[in-house]
Amino acid sequence: MSKQQSLSVNDLSKAVDELVRTFGVGATLKAVLLGMLTRQRTKNHAAHLSDRMRRDVGLPVREPVPGEPLVPPWFPRF
């Protein structure tokens, strides 16, 4: 972020006033309400990662499930 951007965003009331002047009260209010309603936090799941990638990231390696083959079925066999 540039120095000019950080200075202009420091004061929230000035930023809101500028948005209202640029887009109008209705559009600004609509954008705020839509942002509040549709804001969803995405969660990062590591369940699909292989054991090698889990080790690289620093996560514990999964324990093998009893009855699950050690080699995945899609792995080529020669």
C-alpha atoms as a PDB file:
ATOM      1  CA  MET A   1       0.000   0.000   0.000  1.00  0.00           C
ATOM      2  CA  SER A   2       1.370   3.355  -0.936  1.00  0.00           C
ATOM      3  CA  LYS A   3       1.833   6.166   1.553  1.00  0.00           C
ATOM      4  CA  GLN A   4      -0.951   8.222  -0.040  1.00  0.00           C
ATOM      5  CA  GLN A   5      -3.450   5.336   0.232  1.00  0.00           C
ATOM      6  CA  SER A   6      -2.660   4.679   3.886  1.00  0.00           C
ATOM      7  CA  LEU A   7      -3.095   8.359   4.719  1.00  0.00           C
ATOM      8  CA  SER A   8      -6.450   8.647   2.958  1.00  0.00           C
ATOM      9  CA  VAL A   9      -7.912   5.531   4.596  1.00  0.00           C
ATOM     10  CA  ASN A  10      -6.921   6.415   8.167  1.00  0.00           C
ATOM     11  CA  ASP A  11     -10.072   8.484   8.730  1.00  0.00           C
ATOM     12  CA  LEU A  12     -13.187   6.346   8.220  1.00  0.00           C
ATOM     13  CA  SER A  13     -15.650   9.226   8.208  1.00  0.00           C
ATOM     14  CA  LYS A  14     -13.770  10.931   5.380  1.00  0.00           C
ATOM     15  CA  ALA A  15     -13.742   7.699   3.391  1.00  0.00           C
ATOM     16  CA  VAL A  16     -17.501   7.231   3.877  1.00  0.00           C
ATOM     17  CA  ASP A  17     -18.166  10.868   2.949  1.00  0.00           C
ATOM     18  CA  GLU A  18     -16.149  10.429  -0.232  1.00  0.00           C
ATOM     19  CA  LEU A  19     -18.072   7.265  -1.121  1.00  0.00           C
ATOM     20  CA  VAL A  20     -21.392   9.013  -0.523  1.00  0.00           C
ATOM     21  CA  ARG A  21     -20.327  11.983  -2.681  1.00  0.00           C
ATOM     22  CA  THR A  22     -19.118   9.692  -5.467  1.00  0.00           C
ATOM     23  CA  PHE A  23     -21.852   7.046  -5.568  1.00  0.00           C
ATOM     24  CA  GLY A  24     -24.721   8.492  -3.562  1.00  0.00           C
ATOM     25  CA  VAL A  25     -26.337   7.500  -0.275  1.00  0.00           C
ATOM     26  CA  GLY A  26     -28.483   4.698  -1.696  1.00  0.00           C
ATOM     27  CA  ALA A  27     -25.678   2.892  -3.508  1.00  0.00           C
ATOM     28  CA  THR A  28     -23.325   3.214  -0.550  1.00  0.00           C
ATOM     29  CA  LEU A  29     -25.929   1.918   1.889  1.00  0.00           C
ATOM     30  CA  LYS A  30     -26.828  -0.944  -0.467  1.00  0.00           C
ATOM     31  CA  ALA A  31     -23.159  -1.943  -0.785  1.00  0.00           C
ATOM     32  CA  VAL A  32     -22.683  -1.892   3.000  1.00  0.00           C
ATOM     33  CA  LEU A  33     -25.792  -4.002   3.613  1.00  0.00           C
ATOM     34  CA  LEU A  34     -24.883  -6.507   0.895  1.00  0.00           C
ATOM     35  CA  GLY A  35     -21.385  -6.735   2.306  1.00  0.00           C
ATOM     36  CA  MET A  36     -22.744  -7.480   5.760  1.00  0.00           C
ATOM     37  CA  LEU A  37     -25.149 -10.134   4.491  1.00  0.00           C
ATOM     38  CA  THR A  38     -22.840 -11.941   2.084  1.00  0.00           C
ATOM     39  CA  ARG A  39     -19.674 -11.801   4.137  1.00  0.00           C
ATOM     40  CA  GLN A  40     -18.557 -15.362   4.752  1.00  0.00           C
ATOM     41  CA  ARG A  41     -15.222 -16.442   6.036  1.00  0.00           C
ATOM     42  CA  THR A  42     -13.591 -19.183   4.037  1.00  0.00           C
ATOM     43  CA  LYS A  43     -11.952 -21.947   5.984  1.00  0.00           C
ATOM     44  CA  ASN A  44      -8.790 -23.639   4.906  1.00  0.00           C
ATOM     45  CA  HIS A  45      -9.082 -27.398   5.077  1.00  0.00           C
ATOM     46  CA  ALA A  46      -6.051 -29.650   4.954  1.00  0.00           C
ATOM     47  CA  ALA A  47      -7.938 -32.953   4.749  1.00  0.00           C
ATOM     48  CA  HIS A  48      -7.277 -33.326   1.029  1.00  0.00           C
ATOM     49  CA  LEU A  49      -3.504 -32.823   1.293  1.00  0.00           C
ATOM     50  CA  SER A  50      -1.136 -35.733   0.915  1.00  0.00           C
ATOM     51  CA  ASP A  51       1.133 -36.765   3.791  1.00  0.00           C
ATOM     52  CA  ARG A  52       4.144 -35.250   2.027  1.00  0.00           C
ATOM     53  CA  MET A  53       2.443 -31.860   1.676  1.00  0.00           C
ATOM     54  CA  ARG A  54       1.212 -32.025   5.282  1.00  0.00           C
ATOM     55  CA  ARG A  55       4.816 -32.575   6.455  1.00  0.00           C
ATOM     56  CA  ASP A  56       6.044 -29.668   4.288  1.00  0.00           C
ATOM     57  CA  VAL A  57       3.473 -27.332   5.831  1.00  0.00           C
ATOM     58  CA  GLY A  58       4.175 -28.536   9.359  1.00  0.00           C
ATOM     59  CA  LEU A  59       0.970 -30.479   9.991  1.00  0.00           C
ATOM     60  CA  PRO A  60       0.954 -33.928  11.562  1.00  0.00           C
ATOM     61  CA  VAL A  61       0.870 -36.874   9.201  1.00  0.00           C
ATOM     62  CA  ARG A  62      -2.429 -38.761   9.095  1.00  0.00           C
ATOM     63  CA  GLU A  63      -2.563 -42.180  10.688  1.00  0.00           C
ATOM     64  CA  PRO A  64      -3.573 -44.964   8.274  1.00  0.00           C
ATOM     65  CA  VAL A  65      -7.176 -46.077   8.657  1.00  0.00           C
ATOM     66  CA  PRO A  66      -7.570 -49.814   9.313  1.00  0.00           C
ATOM     67  CA  GLY A  67      -8.889 -51.566   6.227  1.00  0.00           C
ATOM     68  CA  GLU A  68      -7.735 -48.799   3.875  1.00  0.00           C
ATOM     69  CA  PRO A  69      -5.155 -49.932   1.307  1.00  0.00           C
ATOM     70  CA  LEU A  70      -1.700 -48.394   1.691  1.00  0.00           C
ATOM     71  CA  VAL A  71      -1.483 -47.719  -2.044  1.00  0.00           C
ATOM     72  CA  PRO A  72      -4.252 -45.585  -3.551  1.00  0.00           C
ATOM     73  CA  PRO A  73      -6.340 -47.368  -6.209  1.00  0.00           C
ATOM     74  CA  TRP A  74      -5.418 -44.826  -8.883  1.00  0.00           C
ATOM     75  CA  PHE A  75      -1.665 -45.373  -8.379  1.00  0.00           C
ATOM     76  CA  PRO A  76      -0.122 -47.048 -11.465  1.00  0.00           C
ATOM     77  CA  ARG A  77       1.080 -50.582 -10.882  1.00  0.00           C
ATOM     78  CA  PHE A  78       3.732 -52.133 -13.098  1.00  0.00           C
END
